[in-house]
PDB file of N, CA and C in Angstrom:
ATOM      1  N   MET A   1      21.461  65.201  16.793  1.00  0.00           N
ATOM      2  CA  MET A   1      21.038  64.936  15.423  1.00  0.00           C
ATOM      3  C   MET A   1      19.869  65.829  15.047  1.00  0.00           C
ATOM      4  N   ASP A   2      19.840  66.174  13.806  1.00  0.00           N
ATOM      5  CA  ASP A   2      18.774  67.018  13.301  1.00  0.00           C
ATOM      6  C   ASP A   2      17.772  66.146  12.537  1.00  0.00           C
ATOM      7  N   PHE A   3      16.781  65.627  13.272  1.00  0.00           N
ATOM      8  CA  PHE A   3      15.816  64.710  12.668  1.00  0.00           C
ATOM      9  C   PHE A   3      14.950  65.394  11.623  1.00  0.00           C
ATOM     10  N   ASP A   4      14.637  66.662  11.820  1.00  0.00           N
ATOM     11  CA  ASP A   4      13.834  67.378  10.827  1.00  0.00           C
ATOM     12  C   ASP A   4      14.579  67.482   9.504  1.00  0.00           C
ATOM     13  N   ASN A   5      15.868  67.768   9.579  1.00  0.00           N
ATOM     14  CA  ASN A   5      16.664  67.857   8.362  1.00  0.00           C
ATOM     15  C   ASN A   5      16.770  66.488   7.688  1.00  0.00           C
ATOM     16  N   ASP A   6      16.959  65.439   8.484  1.00  0.00           N
ATOM     17  CA  ASP A   6      17.021  64.083   7.933  1.00  0.00           C
ATOM     18  C   ASP A   6      15.701  63.707   7.270  1.00  0.00           C
ATOM     19  N   ARG A   7      14.591  64.052   7.914  1.00  0.00           N
ATOM     20  CA  ARG A   7      13.272  63.766   7.341  1.00  0.00           C
ATOM     21  C   ARG A   7      13.100  64.501   6.024  1.00  0.00           C
ATOM     22  N   LEU A   8      13.535  65.759   5.989  1.00  0.00           N
ATOM     23  CA  LEU A   8      13.435  66.566   4.778  1.00  0.00           C
ATOM     24  C   LEU A   8      14.263  65.953   3.651  1.00  0.00           C
ATOM     25  N   LEU A   9      15.487  65.547   3.953  1.00  0.00           N
ATOM     26  CA  LEU A   9      16.351  64.941   2.937  1.00  0.00           C
ATOM     27  C   LEU A   9      15.776  63.627   2.424  1.00  0.00           C
ATOM     28  N   LEU A  10      15.243  62.811   3.330  1.00  0.00           N
ATOM     29  CA  LEU A  10      14.642  61.541   2.930  1.00  0.00           C
ATOM     30  C   LEU A  10      13.399  61.773   2.074  1.00  0.00           C
ATOM     31  N   ALA A  11      12.574  62.726   2.466  1.00  0.00           N
ATOM     32  CA  ALA A  11      11.368  63.037   1.693  1.00  0.00           C
ATOM     33  C   ALA A  11      11.739  63.530   0.301  1.00  0.00           C
ATOM     34  N   ARG A  12      12.726  64.399   0.215  1.00  0.00           N
ATOM     35  CA  ARG A  12      13.175  64.891  -1.096  1.00  0.00           C
ATOM     36  C   ARG A  12      13.692  63.754  -1.965  1.00  0.00           C
ATOM     37  N   ALA A  13      14.487  62.870  -1.365  1.00  0.00           N
ATOM     38  CA  ALA A  13      15.035  61.742  -2.120  1.00  0.00           C
ATOM     39  C   ALA A  13      13.919  60.827  -2.612  1.00  0.00           C
ATOM     40  N   THR A  14      12.962  60.549  -1.749  1.00  0.00           N
ATOM     41  CA  THR A  14      11.830  59.696  -2.126  1.00  0.00           C
ATOM     42  C   THR A  14      11.033  60.325  -3.257  1.00  0.00           C
ATOM     43  N   LEU A  15      10.710  61.602  -3.111  1.00  0.00           N
ATOM     44  CA  LEU A  15       9.946  62.292  -4.152  1.00  0.00           C
ATOM     45  C   LEU A  15      10.734  62.372  -5.456  1.00  0.00           C
ATOM     46  N   SER A  16      12.019  62.625  -5.364  1.00  0.00           N
ATOM     47  CA  SER A  16      12.852  62.679  -6.573  1.00  0.00           C
ATOM     48  C   SER A  16      12.872  61.331  -7.284  1.00  0.00           C
ATOM     49  N   ASP A  17      12.956  60.238  -6.517  1.00  0.00           N
ATOM     50  CA  ASP A  17      12.912  58.899  -7.111  1.00  0.00           C
ATOM     51  C   ASP A  17      11.575  58.643  -7.794  1.00  0.00           C
ATOM     52  N   LEU A  18      10.492  59.081  -7.163  1.00  0.00           N
ATOM     53  CA  LEU A  18       9.164  58.899  -7.757  1.00  0.00           C
ATOM     54  C   LEU A  18       9.022  59.710  -9.043  1.00  0.00           C
ATOM     55  N   VAL A  19       9.553  60.920  -9.055  1.00  0.00           N
ATOM     56  CA  VAL A  19       9.491  61.752 -10.264  1.00  0.00           C
ATOM     57  C   VAL A  19      10.322  61.115 -11.378  1.00  0.00           C
ATOM     58  N   GLU A  20      11.475  60.567 -11.028  1.00  0.00           N
ATOM     59  CA  GLU A  20      12.309  59.906 -12.039  1.00  0.00           C
ATOM     60  C   GLU A  20      11.601  58.670 -12.602  1.00  0.00           C
ATOM     61  N   ALA A  21      10.953  57.890 -11.750  1.00  0.00           N
ATOM     62  CA  ALA A  21      10.193  56.729 -12.225  1.00  0.00           C
ATOM     63  C   ALA A  21       9.071  57.174 -13.153  1.00  0.00           C
ATOM     64  N   LEU A  22       8.438  58.284 -12.821  1.00  0.00           N
ATOM     65  CA  LEU A  22       7.376  58.817 -13.678  1.00  0.00           C
ATOM     66  C   LEU A  22       7.949  59.241 -15.022  1.00  0.00           C
ATOM     67  N   ARG A  23       9.101  59.903 -14.994  1.00  0.00           N
ATOM     68  CA  ARG A  23       9.738  60.361 -16.232  1.00  0.00           C
ATOM     69  C   ARG A  23      10.052  59.182 -17.155  1.00  0.00           C
ATOM     70  N   LEU A  24      10.412  58.056 -16.576  1.00  0.00           N
ATOM     71  CA  LEU A  24      10.768  56.874 -17.364  1.00  0.00           C
ATOM     72  C   LEU A  24       9.555  56.083 -17.849  1.00  0.00           C
ATOM     73  N   THR A  25       8.374  56.448 -17.396  1.00  0.00           N
ATOM     74  CA  THR A  25       7.140  55.771 -17.800  1.00  0.00           C
ATOM     75  C   THR A  25       6.561  56.485 -19.012  1.00  0.00           C
ATOM     76  N   HIS A  26       6.379  55.766 -20.085  1.00  0.00           N
ATOM     77  CA  HIS A  26       5.837  56.361 -21.306  1.00  0.00           C
ATOM     78  C   HIS A  26       4.313  56.377 -21.229  1.00  0.00           C
ATOM     79  N   PHE A  27       3.771  57.570 -21.184  1.00  0.00           N
ATOM     80  CA  PHE A  27       2.328  57.745 -21.036  1.00  0.00           C
ATOM     81  C   PHE A  27       1.559  57.040 -22.146  1.00  0.00           C
ATOM     82  N   ASP A  28       2.024  57.181 -23.379  1.00  0.00           N
ATOM     83  CA  ASP A  28       1.294  56.591 -24.505  1.00  0.00           C
ATOM     84  C   ASP A  28       1.227  55.070 -24.418  1.00  0.00           C
ATOM     85  N   ASN A  29       2.272  54.453 -23.864  1.00  0.00           N
ATOM     86  CA  ASN A  29       2.304  52.991 -23.749  1.00  0.00           C
ATOM     87  C   ASN A  29       1.570  52.468 -22.525  1.00  0.00           C
ATOM     88  N   SER A  30       1.549  53.258 -21.465  1.00  0.00           N
ATOM     89  CA  SER A  30       0.962  52.788 -20.209  1.00  0.00           C
ATOM     90  C   SER A  30       0.353  53.942 -19.416  1.00  0.00           C
ATOM     91  N   PRO A  31      -0.777  54.470 -19.886  1.00  0.00           N
ATOM     92  CA  PRO A  31      -1.369  55.619 -19.194  1.00  0.00           C
ATOM     93  C   PRO A  31      -1.791  55.310 -17.756  1.00  0.00           C
ATOM     94  N   VAL A  32      -2.243  54.090 -17.495  1.00  0.00           N
ATOM     95  CA  VAL A  32      -2.679  53.747 -16.136  1.00  0.00           C
ATOM     96  C   VAL A  32      -1.482  53.750 -15.184  1.00  0.00           C
ATOM     97  N   LEU A  33      -0.379  53.145 -15.595  1.00  0.00           N
ATOM     98  CA  LEU A  33       0.830  53.141 -14.764  1.00  0.00           C
ATOM     99  C   LEU A  33       1.331  54.569 -14.553  1.00  0.00           C
ATOM    100  N   PHE A  34       1.312  55.370 -15.605  1.00  0.00           N
ATOM    101  CA  PHE A  34       1.750  56.759 -15.499  1.00  0.00           C
ATOM    102  C   PHE A  34       0.913  57.498 -14.459  1.00  0.00           C
ATOM    103  N   LEU A  35      -0.405  57.389 -14.561  1.00  0.00           N
ATOM    104  CA  LEU A  35      -1.285  58.092 -13.628  1.00  0.00           C
ATOM    105  C   LEU A  35      -1.173  57.538 -12.207  1.00  0.00           C
ATOM    106  N   THR A  36      -0.920  56.237 -12.079  1.00  0.00           N
ATOM    107  CA  THR A  36      -0.719  55.638 -10.758  1.00  0.00           C
ATOM    108  C   THR A  36       0.545  56.190 -10.109  1.00  0.00           C
ATOM    109  N   ARG A  37       1.603  56.316 -10.891  1.00  0.00           N
ATOM    110  CA  ARG A  37       2.853  56.881 -10.358  1.00  0.00           C
ATOM    111  C   ARG A  37       2.691  58.353 -10.013  1.00  0.00           C
ATOM    112  N   LEU A  38       1.946  59.065 -10.813  1.00  0.00           N
ATOM    113  CA  LEU A  38       1.686  60.476 -10.525  1.00  0.00           C
ATOM    114  C   LEU A  38       0.890  60.613  -9.226  1.00  0.00           C
ATOM    115  N   GLU A  39      -0.077  59.743  -9.044  1.00  0.00           N
ATOM    116  CA  GLU A  39      -0.855  59.746  -7.799  1.00  0.00           C
ATOM    117  C   GLU A  39       0.045  59.448  -6.595  1.00  0.00           C
ATOM    118  N   ALA A  40       1.006  58.539  -6.771  1.00  0.00           N
ATOM    119  CA  ALA A  40       1.939  58.217  -5.684  1.00  0.00           C
ATOM    120  C   ALA A  40       2.767  59.442  -5.297  1.00  0.00           C
ATOM    121  N   ILE A  41       3.138  60.246  -6.272  1.00  0.00           N
ATOM    122  CA  ILE A  41       3.866  61.487  -5.976  1.00  0.00           C
ATOM    123  C   ILE A  41       2.990  62.410  -5.149  1.00  0.00           C
ATOM    124  N   ARG A  42       1.752  62.581  -5.577  1.00  0.00           N
ATOM    125  CA  ARG A  42       0.833  63.476  -4.860  1.00  0.00           C
ATOM    126  C   ARG A  42       0.611  63.001  -3.427  1.00  0.00           C
ATOM    127  N   GLU A  43       0.358  61.711  -3.263  1.00  0.00           N
ATOM    128  CA  GLU A  43       0.096  61.162  -1.926  1.00  0.00           C
ATOM    129  C   GLU A  43       1.330  61.251  -1.030  1.00  0.00           C
ATOM    130  N   THR A  44       2.486  60.917  -1.575  1.00  0.00           N
ATOM    131  CA  THR A  44       3.723  60.998  -0.792  1.00  0.00           C
ATOM    132  C   THR A  44       4.004  62.435  -0.385  1.00  0.00           C
ATOM    133  N   ALA A  45       3.831  63.355  -1.310  1.00  0.00           N
ATOM    134  CA  ALA A  45       4.051  64.775  -1.001  1.00  0.00           C
ATOM    135  C   ALA A  45       3.101  65.240   0.100  1.00  0.00           C
ATOM    136  N   LYS A  46       1.872  64.789   0.019  1.00  0.00           N
ATOM    137  CA  LYS A  46       0.880  65.158   1.033  1.00  0.00           C
ATOM    138  C   LYS A  46       1.280  64.622   2.409  1.00  0.00           C
ATOM    139  N   ILE A  47       1.676  63.367   2.457  1.00  0.00           N
ATOM    140  CA  ILE A  47       2.084  62.743   3.719  1.00  0.00           C
ATOM    141  C   ILE A  47       3.323  63.430   4.292  1.00  0.00           C
ATOM    142  N   GLN A  48       4.262  63.779   3.426  1.00  0.00           N
ATOM    143  CA  GLN A  48       5.518  64.389   3.867  1.00  0.00           C
ATOM    144  C   GLN A  48       5.410  65.904   4.061  1.00  0.00           C
ATOM    145  N   ARG A  49       4.215  66.429   3.872  1.00  0.00           N
ATOM    146  CA  ARG A  49       3.931  67.857   4.047  1.00  0.00           C
ATOM    147  C   ARG A  49       4.665  68.742   3.043  1.00  0.00           C
ATOM    148  N   PHE A  50       4.841  68.230   1.847  1.00  0.00           N
ATOM    149  CA  PHE A  50       5.314  69.022   0.723  1.00  0.00           C
ATOM    150  C   PHE A  50       4.055  69.469  -0.016  1.00  0.00           C
ATOM    151  N   ASP A  51       3.335  70.392   0.602  1.00  0.00           N
ATOM    152  CA  ASP A  51       2.011  70.780   0.111  1.00  0.00           C
ATOM    153  C   ASP A  51       2.045  71.337  -1.304  1.00  0.00           C
ATOM    154  N   ALA A  52       3.047  72.133  -1.615  1.00  0.00           N
ATOM    155  CA  ALA A  52       3.136  72.696  -2.964  1.00  0.00           C
ATOM    156  C   ALA A  52       3.358  71.600  -3.996  1.00  0.00           C
ATOM    157  N   VAL A  53       4.189  70.620  -3.672  1.00  0.00           N
ATOM    158  CA  VAL A  53       4.425  69.498  -4.584  1.00  0.00           C
ATOM    159  C   VAL A  53       3.128  68.715  -4.773  1.00  0.00           C
ATOM    160  N   ALA A  54       2.390  68.492  -3.694  1.00  0.00           N
ATOM    161  CA  ALA A  54       1.107  67.788  -3.793  1.00  0.00           C
ATOM    162  C   ALA A  54       0.135  68.562  -4.673  1.00  0.00           C
ATOM    163  N   GLU A  55       0.104  69.877  -4.518  1.00  0.00           N
ATOM    164  CA  GLU A  55      -0.787  70.710  -5.330  1.00  0.00           C
ATOM    165  C   GLU A  55      -0.385  70.681  -6.805  1.00  0.00           C
ATOM    166  N   ILE A  56       0.908  70.742  -7.066  1.00  0.00           N
ATOM    167  CA  ILE A  56       1.389  70.682  -8.448  1.00  0.00           C
ATOM    168  C   ILE A  56       1.072  69.316  -9.051  1.00  0.00           C
ATOM    169  N   ALA A  57       1.259  68.246  -8.287  1.00  0.00           N
ATOM    170  CA  ALA A  57       0.942  66.904  -8.779  1.00  0.00           C
ATOM    171  C   ALA A  57      -0.550  66.766  -9.072  1.00  0.00           C
ATOM    172  N   ALA A  58      -1.394  67.353  -8.234  1.00  0.00           N
ATOM    173  CA  ALA A  58      -2.842  67.314  -8.479  1.00  0.00           C
ATOM    174  C   ALA A  58      -3.186  68.067  -9.760  1.00  0.00           C
ATOM    175  N   SER A  59      -2.551  69.197  -9.967  1.00  0.00           N
ATOM    176  CA  SER A  59      -2.766  69.958 -11.199  1.00  0.00           C
ATOM    177  C   SER A  59      -2.274  69.159 -12.410  1.00  0.00           C
ATOM    178  N   PHE A  60      -1.161  68.464 -12.244  1.00  0.00           N
ATOM    179  CA  PHE A  60      -0.607  67.606 -13.291  1.00  0.00           C
ATOM    180  C   PHE A  60      -1.610  66.507 -13.632  1.00  0.00           C
ATOM    181  N   GLU A  61      -2.206  65.899 -12.613  1.00  0.00           N
ATOM    182  CA  GLU A  61      -3.224  64.863 -12.842  1.00  0.00           C
ATOM    183  C   GLU A  61      -4.392  65.419 -13.653  1.00  0.00           C
ATOM    184  N   ASP A  62      -4.855  66.602 -13.289  1.00  0.00           N
ATOM    185  CA  ASP A  62      -5.950  67.236 -14.035  1.00  0.00           C
ATOM    186  C   ASP A  62      -5.551  67.475 -15.486  1.00  0.00           C
ATOM    187  N   ALA A  63      -4.334  67.961 -15.686  1.00  0.00           N
ATOM    188  CA  ALA A  63      -3.852  68.222 -17.047  1.00  0.00           C
ATOM    189  C   ALA A  63      -3.776  66.929 -17.853  1.00  0.00           C
ATOM    190  N   MET A  64      -3.361  65.840 -17.215  1.00  0.00           N
ATOM    191  CA  MET A  64      -3.261  64.570 -17.929  1.00  0.00           C
ATOM    192  C   MET A  64      -4.640  64.019 -18.282  1.00  0.00           C
ATOM    193  N   GLN A  65      -5.632  64.290 -17.474  1.00  0.00           N
ATOM    194  CA  GLN A  65      -6.996  63.888 -17.836  1.00  0.00           C
ATOM    195  C   GLN A  65      -7.431  64.617 -19.111  1.00  0.00           C
ATOM    196  N   ARG A  66      -7.057  65.888 -19.224  1.00  0.00           N
ATOM    197  CA  ARG A  66      -7.370  66.639 -20.450  1.00  0.00           C
ATOM    198  C   ARG A  66      -6.577  66.087 -21.633  1.00  0.00           C
ATOM    199  N   VAL A  67      -5.338  65.672 -21.394  1.00  0.00           N
ATOM    200  CA  VAL A  67      -4.502  65.099 -22.450  1.00  0.00           C
ATOM    201  C   VAL A  67      -5.145  63.829 -22.991  1.00  0.00           C
ATOM    202  N   ILE A  68      -5.724  63.032 -22.112  1.00  0.00           N
ATOM    203  CA  ILE A  68      -6.379  61.799 -22.548  1.00  0.00           C
ATOM    204  C   ILE A  68      -7.465  62.122 -23.570  1.00  0.00           C
ATOM    205  N   ARG A  69      -8.164  63.223 -23.343  1.00  0.00           N
ATOM    206  CA  ARG A  69      -9.243  63.615 -24.254  1.00  0.00           C
ATOM    207  C   ARG A  69      -8.732  64.324 -25.508  1.00  0.00           C
ATOM    208  N   ARG A  70      -7.665  65.120 -25.385  1.00  0.00           N
ATOM    209  CA  ARG A  70      -7.256  66.005 -26.486  1.00  0.00           C
ATOM    210  C   ARG A  70      -5.912  65.690 -27.115  1.00  0.00           C
ATOM    211  N   GLY A  71      -5.050  64.973 -26.422  1.00  0.00           N
ATOM    212  CA  GLY A  71      -3.699  64.727 -26.926  1.00  0.00           C
ATOM    213  C   GLY A  71      -2.723  65.789 -26.436  1.00  0.00           C
ATOM    214  N   GLY A  72      -1.470  65.677 -26.887  1.00  0.00           N
ATOM    215  CA  GLY A  72      -0.447  66.643 -26.511  1.00  0.00           C
ATOM    216  C   GLY A  72       0.294  66.304 -25.239  1.00  0.00           C
ATOM    217  N   ALA A  73       0.448  65.023 -24.951  1.00  0.00           N
ATOM    218  CA  ALA A  73       1.036  64.593 -23.680  1.00  0.00           C
ATOM    219  C   ALA A  73       2.467  65.065 -23.482  1.00  0.00           C
ATOM    220  N   GLU A  74       3.273  65.022 -24.519  1.00  0.00           N
ATOM    221  CA  GLU A  74       4.707  65.274 -24.355  1.00  0.00           C
ATOM    222  C   GLU A  74       5.014  66.642 -23.753  1.00  0.00           C
ATOM    223  N   SER A  75       4.420  67.694 -24.271  1.00  0.00           N
ATOM    224  CA  SER A  75       4.725  69.036 -23.751  1.00  0.00           C
ATOM    225  C   SER A  75       4.193  69.217 -22.328  1.00  0.00           C
ATOM    226  N   VAL A  76       3.038  68.640 -22.042  1.00  0.00           N
ATOM    227  CA  VAL A  76       2.476  68.726 -20.692  1.00  0.00           C
ATOM    228  C   VAL A  76       3.387  68.001 -19.706  1.00  0.00           C
ATOM    229  N   ILE A  77       3.808  66.807 -20.063  1.00  0.00           N
ATOM    230  CA  ILE A  77       4.651  66.005 -19.179  1.00  0.00           C
ATOM    231  C   ILE A  77       5.978  66.700 -18.912  1.00  0.00           C
ATOM    232  N   GLU A  78       6.643  67.168 -19.953  1.00  0.00           N
ATOM    233  CA  GLU A  78       7.938  67.842 -19.776  1.00  0.00           C
ATOM    234  C   GLU A  78       7.814  69.057 -18.867  1.00  0.00           C
ATOM    235  N   SER A  79       6.787  69.862 -19.077  1.00  0.00           N
ATOM    236  CA  SER A  79       6.614  71.077 -18.274  1.00  0.00           C
ATOM    237  C   SER A  79       6.365  70.752 -16.806  1.00  0.00           C
ATOM    238  N   TYR A  80       5.478  69.809 -16.549  1.00  0.00           N
ATOM    239  CA  TYR A  80       5.159  69.475 -15.159  1.00  0.00           C
ATOM    240  C   TYR A  80       6.306  68.755 -14.458  1.00  0.00           C
ATOM    241  N   LEU A  81       7.023  67.886 -15.168  1.00  0.00           N
ATOM    242  CA  LEU A  81       8.159  67.219 -14.535  1.00  0.00           C
ATOM    243  C   LEU A  81       9.211  68.235 -14.106  1.00  0.00           C
ATOM    244  N   GLU A  82       9.466  69.213 -14.951  1.00  0.00           N
ATOM    245  CA  GLU A  82      10.437  70.252 -14.612  1.00  0.00           C
ATOM    246  C   GLU A  82      10.000  71.032 -13.374  1.00  0.00           C
ATOM    247  N   ILE A  83       8.736  71.388 -13.323  1.00  0.00           N
ATOM    248  CA  ILE A  83       8.242  72.183 -12.197  1.00  0.00           C
ATOM    249  C   ILE A  83       8.202  71.343 -10.912  1.00  0.00           C
ATOM    250  N   LEU A  84       7.915  70.047 -11.019  1.00  0.00           N
ATOM    251  CA  LEU A  84       7.955  69.177  -9.840  1.00  0.00           C
ATOM    252  C   LEU A  84       9.372  69.102  -9.274  1.00  0.00           C
ATOM    253  N   ARG A  85      10.358  68.953 -10.162  1.00  0.00           N
ATOM    254  CA  ARG A  85      11.752  68.913  -9.695  1.00  0.00           C
ATOM    255  C   ARG A  85      12.118  70.203  -8.971  1.00  0.00           C
ATOM    256  N   GLU A  86      11.715  71.331  -9.530  1.00  0.00           N
ATOM    257  CA  GLU A  86      11.997  72.622  -8.895  1.00  0.00           C
ATOM    258  C   GLU A  86      11.336  72.710  -7.518  1.00  0.00           C
ATOM    259  N   ALA A  87      10.094  72.284  -7.428  1.00  0.00           N
ATOM    260  CA  ALA A  87       9.353  72.375  -6.166  1.00  0.00           C
ATOM    261  C   ALA A  87       9.945  71.459  -5.099  1.00  0.00           C
ATOM    262  N   ILE A  88      10.387  70.274  -5.488  1.00  0.00           N
ATOM    263  CA  ILE A  88      10.987  69.346  -4.526  1.00  0.00           C
ATOM    264  C   ILE A  88      12.269  69.940  -3.949  1.00  0.00           C
ATOM    265  N   GLY A  89      13.000  70.667  -4.754  1.00  0.00           N
ATOM    266  CA  GLY A  89      14.252  71.263  -4.303  1.00  0.00           C
ATOM    267  C   GLY A  89      14.091  72.418  -3.340  1.00  0.00           C
ATOM    268  N   CYS A  90      12.917  72.999  -3.285  1.00  0.00           N
ATOM    269  CA  CYS A  90      12.675  74.124  -2.376  1.00  0.00           C
ATOM    270  C   CYS A  90      12.311  73.588  -0.999  1.00  0.00           C
ATOM    271  N   SER A  91      12.844  74.219   0.027  1.00  0.00           N
ATOM    272  CA  SER A  91      12.602  73.704   1.373  1.00  0.00           C
ATOM    273  C   SER A  91      11.223  74.047   1.902  1.00  0.00           C
ATOM    274  N   ASN A  92      10.720  75.217   1.543  1.00  0.00           N
ATOM    275  CA  ASN A  92       9.446  75.639   2.115  1.00  0.00           C
ATOM    276  C   ASN A  92       8.710  76.506   1.103  1.00  0.00           C
ATOM    277  N   LEU A  93       7.684  75.951   0.519  1.00  0.00           N
ATOM    278  CA  LEU A  93       6.910  76.690  -0.471  1.00  0.00           C
ATOM    279  C   LEU A  93       5.563  77.064   0.113  1.00  0.00           C
ATOM    280  N   ASP A  94       5.243  78.331   0.058  1.00  0.00           N
ATOM    281  CA  ASP A  94       3.903  78.709   0.487  1.00  0.00           C
ATOM    282  C   ASP A  94       2.977  78.692  -0.726  1.00  0.00           C
ATOM    283  N   ALA A  95       1.720  78.952  -0.498  1.00  0.00           N
ATOM    284  CA  ALA A  95       0.704  78.866  -1.553  1.00  0.00           C
ATOM    285  C   ALA A  95       0.989  79.824  -2.701  1.00  0.00           C
ATOM    286  N   VAL A  96       1.493  81.007  -2.400  1.00  0.00           N
ATOM    287  CA  VAL A  96       1.764  81.996  -3.448  1.00  0.00           C
ATOM    288  C   VAL A  96       2.858  81.499  -4.387  1.00  0.00           C
ATOM    289  N   ILE A  97       3.901  80.914  -3.826  1.00  0.00           N
ATOM    290  CA  ILE A  97       4.983  80.397  -4.663  1.00  0.00           C
ATOM    291  C   ILE A  97       4.491  79.217  -5.492  1.00  0.00           C
ATOM    292  N   ALA A  98       3.701  78.343  -4.901  1.00  0.00           N
ATOM    293  CA  ALA A  98       3.148  77.208  -5.645  1.00  0.00           C
ATOM    294  C   ALA A  98       2.299  77.700  -6.809  1.00  0.00           C
ATOM    295  N   GLU A  99       1.496  78.724  -6.574  1.00  0.00           N
ATOM    296  CA  GLU A  99       0.684  79.291  -7.654  1.00  0.00           C
ATOM    297  C   GLU A  99       1.567  79.873  -8.749  1.00  0.00           C
ATOM    298  N   SER A 100       2.671  80.495  -8.371  1.00  0.00           N
ATOM    299  CA  SER A 100       3.600  81.049  -9.359  1.00  0.00           C
ATOM    300  C   SER A 100       4.217  79.941 -10.204  1.00  0.00           C
ATOM    301  N   LEU A 101       4.593  78.839  -9.562  1.00  0.00           N
ATOM    302  CA  LEU A 101       5.145  77.713 -10.307  1.00  0.00           C
ATOM    303  C   LEU A 101       4.120  77.148 -11.283  1.00  0.00           C
ATOM    304  N   LEU A 102       2.877  77.023 -10.831  1.00  0.00           N
ATOM    305  CA  LEU A 102       1.818  76.525 -11.717  1.00  0.00           C
ATOM    306  C   LEU A 102       1.558  77.498 -12.859  1.00  0.00           C
ATOM    307  N   ALA A 103       1.636  78.791 -12.582  1.00  0.00           N
ATOM    308  CA  ALA A 103       1.458  79.790 -13.639  1.00  0.00           C
ATOM    309  C   ALA A 103       2.565  79.661 -14.677  1.00  0.00           C
ATOM    310  N   SER A 104       3.778  79.355 -14.228  1.00  0.00           N
ATOM    311  CA  SER A 104       4.871  79.200 -15.189  1.00  0.00           C
ATOM    312  C   SER A 104       4.632  77.995 -16.096  1.00  0.00           C
ATOM    313  N   VAL A 105       4.004  76.947 -15.568  1.00  0.00           N
ATOM    314  CA  VAL A 105       3.647  75.801 -16.410  1.00  0.00           C
ATOM    315  C   VAL A 105       2.637  76.231 -17.462  1.00  0.00           C
ATOM    316  N   ALA A 106       1.635  76.980 -17.048  1.00  0.00           N
ATOM    317  CA  ALA A 106       0.610  77.447 -17.990  1.00  0.00           C
ATOM    318  C   ALA A 106       1.239  78.271 -19.105  1.00  0.00           C
ATOM    319  N   ILE A 107       2.190  79.125 -18.746  1.00  0.00           N
ATOM    320  CA  ILE A 107       2.859  79.950 -19.759  1.00  0.00           C
ATOM    321  C   ILE A 107       3.667  79.072 -20.705  1.00  0.00           C
ATOM    322  N   ARG A 108       4.386  78.092 -20.168  1.00  0.00           N
ATOM    323  CA  ARG A 108       5.181  77.192 -21.015  1.00  0.00           C
ATOM    324  C   ARG A 108       4.301  76.422 -21.983  1.00  0.00           C
ATOM    325  N   LEU A 109       3.143  75.994 -21.519  1.00  0.00           N
ATOM    326  CA  LEU A 109       2.260  75.197 -22.370  1.00  0.00           C
ATOM    327  C   LEU A 109       1.619  76.028 -23.473  1.00  0.00           C
ATOM    328  N   ARG A 110       1.507  77.321 -23.257  1.00  0.00           N
ATOM    329  CA  ARG A 110       0.922  78.193 -24.281  1.00  0.00           C
ATOM    330  C   ARG A 110       1.960  78.701 -25.272  1.00  0.00           C
ATOM    331  N   ALA A 111       3.238  78.577 -24.916  1.00  0.00           N
ATOM    332  CA  ALA A 111       4.318  79.096 -25.770  1.00  0.00           C
ATOM    333  C   ALA A 111       4.480  78.282 -27.031  1.00  0.00           C
TER     334      ALA A 111
END
């Protein structure tokens, strides 16, 4: 049996479920629940050694703190959810690739 592959598949499934739960949480109606679920993604990614996903989730948390002050949640949420899904699907992301994914979010948000 390939336990590493099984662990990877389970971690991806868990993270994907957490991202879907986050997507279904309306930030405007329940910002605390939204941020709690986002934190769960970051912590789970960290534990499962999906470092790029954890880094993207941390950046997402920072962006949402700015949203609380300035508004504009919808575009921020859509962009980060898309990039989280992409990162979860990758088997091994190094820091350079994670930075590229985060840069693509920045470009999307400025468009």
